[in-house]
C-alpha cells in the first residue's frame, strides 16, 4: 500500500474544480473578508485597520470555491474609468492549484466587459511573476503598501486567439 504524501494531496487538490462567482450577499462577502483577514492580516502582518476599506463598499467581489469551501477572493474597483483588481487572496493550502488564476481571469473579463480604459493592479513583488504569466506588465518603481513591496502592473491586450478564448469564456 502506498503511503500518502503532501505531494499526492497537492495533486488531488489540483484536480478539484474551482468555481469562481460574483459575491451577491452578505454571507458570501463575510467569507471573502475572512479569507483576506487570514491571508493578509494573520499571515502577512498587514494592519487589520487598513485591510477592509471604503473601496469594499463600491467594489465587485469574487469568491472562489473548491467544492463547498470558500478558498479565495478578489475584487474590482473602478477609478476614473480604469479597473483596479485587488485584494486577491487564496488560502495557503490552495495556492498553486489554479485558484488565483481563475480569480484573475474572471476579474479581467469583468473589467473588459465593462469597457475599462485600463486594467491594473498593485502586485506584491514576490508574486509578480504570477501576474506576468497572465499578461500583466510591471510599470514604475517598487513601492511600499502596508509594509510589503509592491509594483503597479497593467494588463496588456492578449494577442493569442487561444488566450482570448480563455478570457472571453469567463
N, C-alpha and C. Protein backbone atom coordinates (compact mmCIF):
# COMPACT_ATOMS: atom_id res chain seq x y z
N UNK A 1 0.83 -1.19 0.00
CA UNK A 1 0.00 0.00 0.00
C UNK A 1 0.87 1.25 0.00
N UNK A 2 0.55 2.20 -0.84
CA UNK A 2 1.34 3.40 -1.00
C UNK A 2 1.07 4.40 0.12
N UNK A 3 2.11 4.99 0.64
CA UNK A 3 1.98 6.00 1.68
C UNK A 3 1.56 7.32 1.05
N UNK A 4 0.60 7.98 1.67
CA UNK A 4 0.16 9.29 1.17
C UNK A 4 1.17 10.35 1.57
N UNK A 5 1.47 11.23 0.63
CA UNK A 5 2.41 12.32 0.90
C UNK A 5 1.72 13.64 0.62
N UNK A 6 2.36 14.70 1.05
CA UNK A 6 1.84 16.04 0.75
C UNK A 6 1.72 16.27 -0.74
N UNK A 7 2.64 15.67 -1.48
CA UNK A 7 2.64 15.83 -2.94
C UNK A 7 1.37 15.23 -3.55
N UNK A 8 1.00 14.05 -3.07
CA UNK A 8 -0.20 13.40 -3.58
C UNK A 8 -1.44 14.25 -3.26
N UNK A 9 -1.49 14.80 -2.05
CA UNK A 9 -2.62 15.65 -1.68
C UNK A 9 -2.68 16.86 -2.61
N UNK A 10 -1.53 17.43 -2.89
CA UNK A 10 -1.47 18.60 -3.77
C UNK A 10 -2.02 18.25 -5.15
N UNK A 11 -1.65 17.07 -5.67
CA UNK A 11 -2.14 16.64 -6.97
C UNK A 11 -3.65 16.49 -6.94
N UNK A 12 -4.17 15.94 -5.85
CA UNK A 12 -5.61 15.79 -5.72
C UNK A 12 -6.28 17.15 -5.72
N UNK A 13 -5.74 18.10 -4.99
CA UNK A 13 -6.30 19.45 -4.95
C UNK A 13 -6.33 20.06 -6.34
N UNK A 14 -5.26 19.85 -7.10
CA UNK A 14 -5.17 20.46 -8.42
C UNK A 14 -6.29 19.95 -9.33
N UNK A 15 -6.73 18.74 -9.08
CA UNK A 15 -7.80 18.17 -9.91
C UNK A 15 -9.17 18.68 -9.48
N UNK A 16 -9.26 19.24 -8.28
CA UNK A 16 -10.54 19.74 -7.80
C UNK A 16 -11.00 20.91 -8.67
N UNK A 17 -12.26 20.99 -8.88
CA UNK A 17 -12.83 22.05 -9.71
C UNK A 17 -12.95 23.34 -8.92
N UNK A 18 -12.43 24.39 -9.49
CA UNK A 18 -12.51 25.72 -8.89
C UNK A 18 -13.69 26.44 -9.52
N UNK A 19 -14.59 26.92 -8.68
CA UNK A 19 -15.74 27.68 -9.16
C UNK A 19 -15.61 29.11 -8.64
N UNK A 20 -15.58 30.07 -9.56
CA UNK A 20 -15.49 31.48 -9.17
C UNK A 20 -16.81 32.13 -9.51
N UNK A 21 -17.35 32.82 -8.52
CA UNK A 21 -18.61 33.52 -8.74
C UNK A 21 -18.57 34.90 -8.10
N UNK A 22 -19.41 35.74 -8.62
CA UNK A 22 -19.54 37.09 -8.07
C UNK A 22 -20.26 37.01 -6.73
N UNK A 23 -19.76 37.74 -5.75
CA UNK A 23 -20.38 37.78 -4.43
C UNK A 23 -21.71 38.50 -4.56
N UNK A 24 -22.77 37.89 -4.02
CA UNK A 24 -24.09 38.51 -4.18
C UNK A 24 -24.79 38.79 -2.85
N UNK A 25 -24.24 38.36 -1.75
CA UNK A 25 -24.92 38.60 -0.48
C UNK A 25 -23.94 38.79 0.67
N UNK A 26 -24.47 39.18 1.80
CA UNK A 26 -23.64 39.45 2.98
C UNK A 26 -22.89 38.21 3.46
N UNK A 27 -23.50 37.05 3.35
CA UNK A 27 -22.86 35.81 3.79
C UNK A 27 -21.58 35.54 2.99
N UNK A 28 -21.69 35.68 1.67
CA UNK A 28 -20.52 35.48 0.81
C UNK A 28 -19.47 36.56 1.03
N UNK A 29 -19.92 37.79 1.24
CA UNK A 29 -18.98 38.88 1.48
C UNK A 29 -18.20 38.62 2.78
N UNK A 30 -18.88 38.11 3.78
CA UNK A 30 -18.21 37.78 5.05
C UNK A 30 -17.16 36.70 4.84
N UNK A 31 -17.43 35.74 3.97
CA UNK A 31 -16.44 34.69 3.65
C UNK A 31 -15.23 35.31 2.96
N UNK A 32 -15.48 36.21 2.02
CA UNK A 32 -14.38 36.87 1.30
C UNK A 32 -13.52 37.67 2.28
N UNK A 33 -14.15 38.42 3.16
CA UNK A 33 -13.41 39.20 4.15
C UNK A 33 -12.62 38.29 5.09
N UNK A 34 -13.19 37.17 5.48
CA UNK A 34 -12.49 36.23 6.38
C UNK A 34 -11.22 35.69 5.71
N UNK A 35 -11.29 35.41 4.41
CA UNK A 35 -10.12 34.93 3.68
C UNK A 35 -9.05 36.03 3.66
N UNK A 36 -9.45 37.24 3.38
CA UNK A 36 -8.50 38.36 3.35
C UNK A 36 -7.84 38.57 4.70
N UNK A 37 -8.61 38.50 5.77
CA UNK A 37 -8.05 38.68 7.11
C UNK A 37 -7.03 37.57 7.40
N UNK A 38 -7.39 36.35 7.05
CA UNK A 38 -6.48 35.22 7.30
C UNK A 38 -5.17 35.38 6.52
N UNK A 39 -5.27 35.73 5.25
CA UNK A 39 -4.08 35.81 4.39
C UNK A 39 -3.28 37.09 4.68
N UNK A 40 -3.93 38.22 4.61
CA UNK A 40 -3.19 39.48 4.71
C UNK A 40 -2.84 39.87 6.15
N UNK A 41 -3.78 39.79 7.05
CA UNK A 41 -3.54 40.23 8.43
C UNK A 41 -2.77 39.18 9.22
N UNK A 42 -3.29 37.96 9.25
CA UNK A 42 -2.66 36.92 10.08
C UNK A 42 -1.36 36.39 9.50
N UNK A 43 -1.32 36.11 8.19
CA UNK A 43 -0.10 35.56 7.58
C UNK A 43 0.94 36.63 7.27
N UNK A 44 0.50 37.75 6.69
CA UNK A 44 1.45 38.73 6.17
C UNK A 44 1.65 39.96 7.05
N UNK A 45 0.88 40.07 8.11
CA UNK A 45 1.08 41.17 9.05
C UNK A 45 0.55 42.53 8.63
N UNK A 46 -0.37 42.55 7.68
CA UNK A 46 -0.99 43.82 7.29
C UNK A 46 -1.86 44.29 8.46
N UNK A 47 -1.78 45.56 8.83
CA UNK A 47 -2.62 46.05 9.93
C UNK A 47 -4.11 45.86 9.62
N UNK A 48 -4.84 45.30 10.57
CA UNK A 48 -6.26 44.98 10.32
C UNK A 48 -7.09 46.22 10.02
N UNK A 49 -6.70 47.38 10.56
CA UNK A 49 -7.49 48.59 10.34
C UNK A 49 -7.39 49.14 8.91
N UNK A 50 -6.43 48.64 8.12
CA UNK A 50 -6.36 49.10 6.72
C UNK A 50 -6.76 48.03 5.72
N UNK A 51 -6.93 46.79 6.17
CA UNK A 51 -7.27 45.72 5.23
C UNK A 51 -8.67 45.91 4.64
N UNK A 52 -9.65 46.12 5.46
CA UNK A 52 -11.00 46.38 4.98
C UNK A 52 -11.13 47.90 4.85
N UNK A 53 -11.51 48.36 3.67
CA UNK A 53 -11.51 49.81 3.43
C UNK A 53 -12.78 50.29 2.75
N UNK A 54 -12.84 51.58 2.48
CA UNK A 54 -14.03 52.18 1.85
C UNK A 54 -14.30 51.62 0.46
N UNK A 55 -13.26 51.19 -0.25
CA UNK A 55 -13.46 50.63 -1.59
C UNK A 55 -14.30 49.35 -1.56
N UNK A 56 -14.32 48.66 -0.41
CA UNK A 56 -15.11 47.43 -0.32
C UNK A 56 -16.60 47.69 -0.56
N UNK A 57 -17.06 48.88 -0.24
CA UNK A 57 -18.48 49.22 -0.40
C UNK A 57 -18.87 49.36 -1.87
N UNK A 58 -17.93 49.78 -2.72
CA UNK A 58 -18.27 50.02 -4.12
C UNK A 58 -17.65 49.00 -5.07
N UNK A 59 -16.89 48.07 -4.52
CA UNK A 59 -16.21 47.06 -5.34
C UNK A 59 -17.16 45.93 -5.74
N UNK A 60 -16.78 45.24 -6.80
CA UNK A 60 -17.41 43.97 -7.14
C UNK A 60 -16.44 42.91 -6.62
N UNK A 61 -16.95 42.02 -5.79
CA UNK A 61 -16.13 41.00 -5.16
C UNK A 61 -16.40 39.64 -5.80
N UNK A 62 -15.36 38.82 -5.83
CA UNK A 62 -15.48 37.45 -6.31
C UNK A 62 -15.05 36.50 -5.21
N UNK A 63 -15.65 35.31 -5.23
CA UNK A 63 -15.32 34.28 -4.26
C UNK A 63 -15.03 33.00 -5.05
N UNK A 64 -13.91 32.36 -4.73
CA UNK A 64 -13.55 31.09 -5.36
C UNK A 64 -13.82 29.97 -4.38
N UNK A 65 -14.47 28.94 -4.87
CA UNK A 65 -14.77 27.77 -4.05
C UNK A 65 -14.15 26.54 -4.67
N UNK A 66 -13.71 25.63 -3.82
CA UNK A 66 -13.35 24.28 -4.22
C UNK A 66 -14.34 23.41 -3.46
N UNK A 67 -15.24 22.79 -4.20
CA UNK A 67 -16.35 22.12 -3.54
C UNK A 67 -17.19 23.16 -2.83
N UNK A 68 -17.52 22.91 -1.58
CA UNK A 68 -18.33 23.86 -0.81
C UNK A 68 -17.47 24.86 -0.04
N UNK A 69 -16.15 24.72 -0.10
CA UNK A 69 -15.25 25.55 0.71
C UNK A 69 -14.81 26.80 -0.04
N UNK A 70 -15.01 27.96 0.59
CA UNK A 70 -14.51 29.23 0.05
C UNK A 70 -13.01 29.27 0.28
N UNK A 71 -12.23 29.42 -0.80
CA UNK A 71 -10.77 29.34 -0.69
C UNK A 71 -10.03 30.55 -1.23
N UNK A 72 -10.72 31.46 -1.92
CA UNK A 72 -10.05 32.61 -2.49
C UNK A 72 -11.01 33.74 -2.78
N UNK A 73 -10.45 34.93 -2.92
CA UNK A 73 -11.27 36.10 -3.20
C UNK A 73 -10.47 37.14 -3.98
N UNK A 74 -11.18 38.03 -4.63
CA UNK A 74 -10.58 39.18 -5.33
C UNK A 74 -11.68 40.22 -5.48
N UNK A 75 -11.28 41.44 -5.78
CA UNK A 75 -12.28 42.49 -6.00
C UNK A 75 -11.83 43.36 -7.18
N UNK A 76 -12.81 44.06 -7.76
CA UNK A 76 -12.54 45.03 -8.82
C UNK A 76 -13.18 46.35 -8.39
N UNK A 77 -12.38 47.41 -8.45
CA UNK A 77 -12.84 48.75 -8.09
C UNK A 77 -12.53 49.67 -9.26
N UNK A 78 -13.46 50.57 -9.59
CA UNK A 78 -13.24 51.50 -10.69
C UNK A 78 -12.70 52.82 -10.15
N UNK A 79 -11.66 53.32 -10.83
CA UNK A 79 -11.05 54.62 -10.53
C UNK A 79 -10.92 55.37 -11.85
N UNK A 80 -11.72 56.40 -12.03
CA UNK A 80 -11.68 57.24 -13.23
C UNK A 80 -11.69 56.43 -14.53
N UNK A 81 -12.58 55.48 -14.64
CA UNK A 81 -12.71 54.68 -15.86
C UNK A 81 -11.78 53.50 -15.97
N UNK A 82 -10.85 53.37 -15.04
CA UNK A 82 -9.92 52.24 -15.02
C UNK A 82 -10.37 51.24 -13.96
N UNK A 83 -10.12 49.97 -14.22
CA UNK A 83 -10.48 48.91 -13.27
C UNK A 83 -9.23 48.47 -12.52
N UNK A 84 -9.30 48.55 -11.20
CA UNK A 84 -8.20 48.08 -10.36
C UNK A 84 -8.60 46.76 -9.71
N UNK A 85 -7.84 45.73 -10.01
CA UNK A 85 -8.06 44.42 -9.41
C UNK A 85 -7.24 44.40 -8.12
N UNK A 86 -7.85 43.95 -7.06
CA UNK A 86 -7.12 43.97 -5.81
C UNK A 86 -7.63 42.98 -4.79
N UNK A 87 -6.94 43.00 -3.67
CA UNK A 87 -7.27 42.15 -2.52
C UNK A 87 -7.43 40.69 -2.94
N UNK A 88 -6.57 40.26 -3.90
CA UNK A 88 -6.56 38.86 -4.30
C UNK A 88 -5.89 38.05 -3.21
N UNK A 89 -6.63 37.08 -2.69
CA UNK A 89 -6.11 36.26 -1.61
C UNK A 89 -6.60 34.83 -1.78
N UNK A 90 -5.70 33.88 -1.59
CA UNK A 90 -6.03 32.46 -1.67
C UNK A 90 -5.49 31.81 -0.40
N UNK A 91 -6.31 30.99 0.23
CA UNK A 91 -5.85 30.28 1.42
C UNK A 91 -4.62 29.45 1.10
N UNK A 92 -3.69 29.41 2.02
CA UNK A 92 -2.37 28.80 1.82
C UNK A 92 -2.45 27.39 1.22
N UNK A 93 -3.33 26.58 1.73
CA UNK A 93 -3.44 25.19 1.27
C UNK A 93 -3.86 25.07 -0.20
N UNK A 94 -4.46 26.12 -0.73
CA UNK A 94 -4.99 26.07 -2.10
C UNK A 94 -4.18 26.88 -3.10
N UNK A 95 -3.04 27.39 -2.67
CA UNK A 95 -2.18 28.13 -3.60
C UNK A 95 -1.50 27.16 -4.56
N UNK A 96 -1.19 27.68 -5.74
CA UNK A 96 -0.55 26.89 -6.80
C UNK A 96 -1.45 25.74 -7.30
N UNK A 97 -2.75 25.97 -7.19
CA UNK A 97 -3.74 24.98 -7.65
C UNK A 97 -4.67 25.56 -8.70
N UNK A 98 -4.39 26.77 -9.18
CA UNK A 98 -5.21 27.39 -10.21
C UNK A 98 -6.29 28.32 -9.69
N UNK A 99 -6.42 28.45 -8.38
CA UNK A 99 -7.46 29.31 -7.80
C UNK A 99 -7.21 30.78 -8.16
N UNK A 100 -6.00 31.26 -7.91
CA UNK A 100 -5.66 32.64 -8.22
C UNK A 100 -5.82 32.94 -9.70
N UNK A 101 -5.42 32.02 -10.53
CA UNK A 101 -5.55 32.19 -11.99
C UNK A 101 -7.01 32.38 -12.37
N UNK A 102 -7.89 31.53 -11.84
CA UNK A 102 -9.31 31.63 -12.17
C UNK A 102 -9.91 32.94 -11.66
N UNK A 103 -9.52 33.36 -10.46
CA UNK A 103 -9.99 34.64 -9.94
C UNK A 103 -9.56 35.79 -10.84
N UNK A 104 -8.29 35.78 -11.25
CA UNK A 104 -7.77 36.86 -12.08
C UNK A 104 -8.43 36.88 -13.45
N UNK A 105 -8.61 35.73 -14.05
CA UNK A 105 -9.27 35.65 -15.35
C UNK A 105 -10.68 36.23 -15.26
N UNK A 106 -11.37 35.87 -14.21
CA UNK A 106 -12.75 36.37 -14.03
C UNK A 106 -12.78 37.88 -13.82
N UNK A 107 -11.85 38.40 -13.03
CA UNK A 107 -11.79 39.85 -12.77
C UNK A 107 -11.46 40.62 -14.05
N UNK A 108 -10.50 40.12 -14.83
CA UNK A 108 -10.14 40.77 -16.09
C UNK A 108 -11.34 40.74 -17.06
N UNK A 109 -12.03 39.62 -17.11
CA UNK A 109 -13.18 39.51 -18.01
C UNK A 109 -14.25 40.53 -17.63
N UNK A 110 -14.51 40.71 -16.35
CA UNK A 110 -15.49 41.71 -15.90
C UNK A 110 -15.05 43.12 -16.34
N UNK A 111 -13.79 43.43 -16.11
CA UNK A 111 -13.27 44.75 -16.47
C UNK A 111 -13.38 44.99 -17.98
N UNK A 112 -13.09 43.98 -18.76
CA UNK A 112 -13.19 44.12 -20.22
C UNK A 112 -14.63 44.32 -20.66
N UNK A 113 -15.55 43.52 -20.08
CA UNK A 113 -16.97 43.68 -20.42
C UNK A 113 -17.49 45.06 -20.03
N UNK A 114 -16.90 45.63 -19.00
CA UNK A 114 -17.30 46.96 -18.53
C UNK A 114 -16.58 48.08 -19.27
N UNK A 115 -15.77 47.71 -20.27
CA UNK A 115 -15.04 48.67 -21.10
C UNK A 115 -14.10 49.56 -20.31
N UNK A 116 -13.40 48.98 -19.35
CA UNK A 116 -12.42 49.74 -18.58
C UNK A 116 -11.37 50.27 -19.54
N UNK A 117 -10.97 51.52 -19.37
CA UNK A 117 -9.95 52.10 -20.25
C UNK A 117 -8.58 51.52 -19.94
N UNK A 118 -8.42 50.96 -18.73
CA UNK A 118 -7.18 50.31 -18.33
C UNK A 118 -7.51 49.31 -17.22
N UNK A 119 -6.77 48.22 -17.18
CA UNK A 119 -6.93 47.23 -16.11
C UNK A 119 -5.58 47.12 -15.43
N UNK A 120 -5.56 47.35 -14.13
CA UNK A 120 -4.27 47.33 -13.43
C UNK A 120 -4.43 46.76 -12.03
N UNK A 121 -3.31 46.54 -11.39
CA UNK A 121 -3.28 46.04 -10.02
C UNK A 121 -1.97 46.44 -9.37
N UNK A 122 -1.92 46.32 -8.06
CA UNK A 122 -0.69 46.51 -7.29
C UNK A 122 -0.27 45.13 -6.81
N UNK A 123 0.74 44.57 -7.44
CA UNK A 123 1.19 43.21 -7.13
C UNK A 123 2.28 43.22 -6.07
N UNK A 124 2.22 42.29 -5.16
CA UNK A 124 3.34 42.09 -4.27
C UNK A 124 4.51 41.63 -5.15
N UNK A 125 5.65 42.24 -4.98
CA UNK A 125 6.80 41.94 -5.83
C UNK A 125 7.13 40.44 -5.83
N UNK A 126 6.98 39.81 -4.69
CA UNK A 126 7.31 38.38 -4.58
C UNK A 126 6.47 37.49 -5.49
N UNK A 127 5.30 37.94 -5.89
CA UNK A 127 4.43 37.12 -6.75
C UNK A 127 4.14 37.79 -8.09
N UNK A 128 4.94 38.76 -8.48
CA UNK A 128 4.69 39.47 -9.73
C UNK A 128 4.80 38.54 -10.95
N UNK A 129 5.58 37.49 -10.86
CA UNK A 129 5.70 36.53 -11.96
C UNK A 129 4.37 35.86 -12.28
N UNK A 130 3.57 35.62 -11.26
CA UNK A 130 2.23 35.05 -11.47
C UNK A 130 1.41 35.96 -12.39
N UNK A 131 1.43 37.25 -12.11
CA UNK A 131 0.66 38.21 -12.91
C UNK A 131 1.25 38.36 -14.31
N UNK A 132 2.56 38.30 -14.42
CA UNK A 132 3.20 38.39 -15.74
C UNK A 132 2.75 37.24 -16.63
N UNK A 133 2.59 36.05 -16.06
CA UNK A 133 2.14 34.90 -16.85
C UNK A 133 0.71 35.08 -17.36
N UNK A 134 -0.03 35.99 -16.75
CA UNK A 134 -1.40 36.26 -17.19
C UNK A 134 -1.50 37.62 -17.87
N UNK A 135 -0.39 38.04 -18.46
CA UNK A 135 -0.34 39.20 -19.36
C UNK A 135 -0.36 40.57 -18.68
N UNK A 136 0.08 40.64 -17.44
CA UNK A 136 0.27 41.93 -16.78
C UNK A 136 1.74 42.30 -16.90
N UNK A 137 2.01 43.58 -17.08
CA UNK A 137 3.38 44.06 -17.21
C UNK A 137 3.65 45.13 -16.16
N UNK A 138 4.81 45.03 -15.51
CA UNK A 138 5.18 45.98 -14.45
C UNK A 138 5.48 47.34 -15.05
N UNK A 139 5.12 48.36 -14.28
CA UNK A 139 5.40 49.72 -14.68
C UNK A 139 5.77 50.52 -13.43
N UNK A 140 6.67 51.44 -13.58
CA UNK A 140 7.06 52.29 -12.45
C UNK A 140 7.94 51.57 -11.44
N UNK A 141 8.24 52.29 -10.38
CA UNK A 141 9.15 51.79 -9.35
C UNK A 141 8.42 50.94 -8.32
N UNK A 142 9.18 50.16 -7.59
CA UNK A 142 8.66 49.39 -6.48
C UNK A 142 8.27 50.37 -5.38
N UNK A 143 7.15 50.12 -4.70
CA UNK A 143 6.70 50.99 -3.62
C UNK A 143 6.18 50.14 -2.46
N UNK A 144 6.09 50.79 -1.31
CA UNK A 144 5.61 50.11 -0.11
C UNK A 144 4.11 50.30 0.03
N UNK A 145 3.42 49.19 0.25
CA UNK A 145 1.99 49.25 0.52
C UNK A 145 1.74 48.29 1.68
N UNK A 146 1.29 48.83 2.80
CA UNK A 146 1.02 48.04 4.00
C UNK A 146 2.26 47.28 4.49
N UNK A 147 3.44 47.88 4.29
CA UNK A 147 4.67 47.26 4.75
C UNK A 147 5.22 46.17 3.84
N UNK A 148 4.67 46.04 2.64
CA UNK A 148 5.08 44.99 1.69
C UNK A 148 5.44 45.67 0.36
N UNK A 149 6.55 45.23 -0.24
CA UNK A 149 6.97 45.78 -1.54
C UNK A 149 5.97 45.39 -2.62
N UNK A 150 5.51 46.40 -3.36
CA UNK A 150 4.54 46.21 -4.45
C UNK A 150 5.04 46.90 -5.71
N UNK A 151 4.39 46.55 -6.80
CA UNK A 151 4.67 47.18 -8.08
C UNK A 151 3.38 47.27 -8.87
N UNK A 152 3.15 48.41 -9.49
CA UNK A 152 1.97 48.55 -10.33
C UNK A 152 2.16 47.70 -11.58
N UNK A 153 1.11 46.99 -11.96
CA UNK A 153 1.15 46.17 -13.16
C UNK A 153 -0.11 46.45 -13.97
N UNK A 154 0.08 46.55 -15.30
CA UNK A 154 -1.02 46.88 -16.21
C UNK A 154 -1.26 45.69 -17.14
N UNK A 155 -2.52 45.36 -17.33
CA UNK A 155 -2.88 44.27 -18.23
C UNK A 155 -2.74 44.72 -19.67
N UNK A 156 -2.13 43.88 -20.46
CA UNK A 156 -1.94 44.15 -21.89
C UNK A 156 -2.90 43.28 -22.69
N UNK A 157 -3.49 43.83 -23.71
CA UNK A 157 -4.42 43.08 -24.56
C UNK A 157 -3.74 41.82 -25.06
N UNK A 158 -4.49 40.77 -25.08
CA UNK A 158 -3.96 39.46 -25.46
C UNK A 158 -3.90 39.33 -26.98
N UNK A 159 -2.82 38.77 -27.46
CA UNK A 159 -2.63 38.60 -28.90
C UNK A 159 -3.07 37.22 -29.38
N UNK A 160 -2.86 36.21 -28.57
CA UNK A 160 -3.13 34.84 -28.98
C UNK A 160 -4.63 34.54 -28.99
N UNK A 161 -5.12 33.91 -30.08
CA UNK A 161 -6.53 33.53 -30.15
C UNK A 161 -6.90 32.57 -29.04
N UNK A 162 -6.01 31.64 -28.70
CA UNK A 162 -6.26 30.67 -27.65
C UNK A 162 -6.47 31.38 -26.30
N UNK A 163 -5.59 32.33 -25.96
CA UNK A 163 -5.73 33.07 -24.70
C UNK A 163 -6.98 33.93 -24.72
N UNK A 164 -7.32 34.50 -25.87
CA UNK A 164 -8.50 35.35 -25.97
C UNK A 164 -9.75 34.54 -25.65
N UNK A 165 -9.83 33.30 -26.13
CA UNK A 165 -10.98 32.44 -25.85
C UNK A 165 -11.09 32.16 -24.35
N UNK A 166 -9.98 31.96 -23.68
CA UNK A 166 -10.00 31.69 -22.24
C UNK A 166 -10.59 32.87 -21.49
N UNK A 167 -10.16 34.09 -21.82
CA UNK A 167 -10.66 35.28 -21.13
C UNK A 167 -12.15 35.50 -21.43
N UNK A 168 -12.57 35.33 -22.69
CA UNK A 168 -13.97 35.56 -23.04
C UNK A 168 -14.92 34.59 -22.38
N UNK A 169 -14.49 33.35 -22.15
CA UNK A 169 -15.37 32.35 -21.54
C UNK A 169 -15.81 32.74 -20.15
N UNK A 170 -15.01 33.51 -19.48
CA UNK A 170 -15.31 33.84 -18.09
C UNK A 170 -15.95 35.17 -18.07
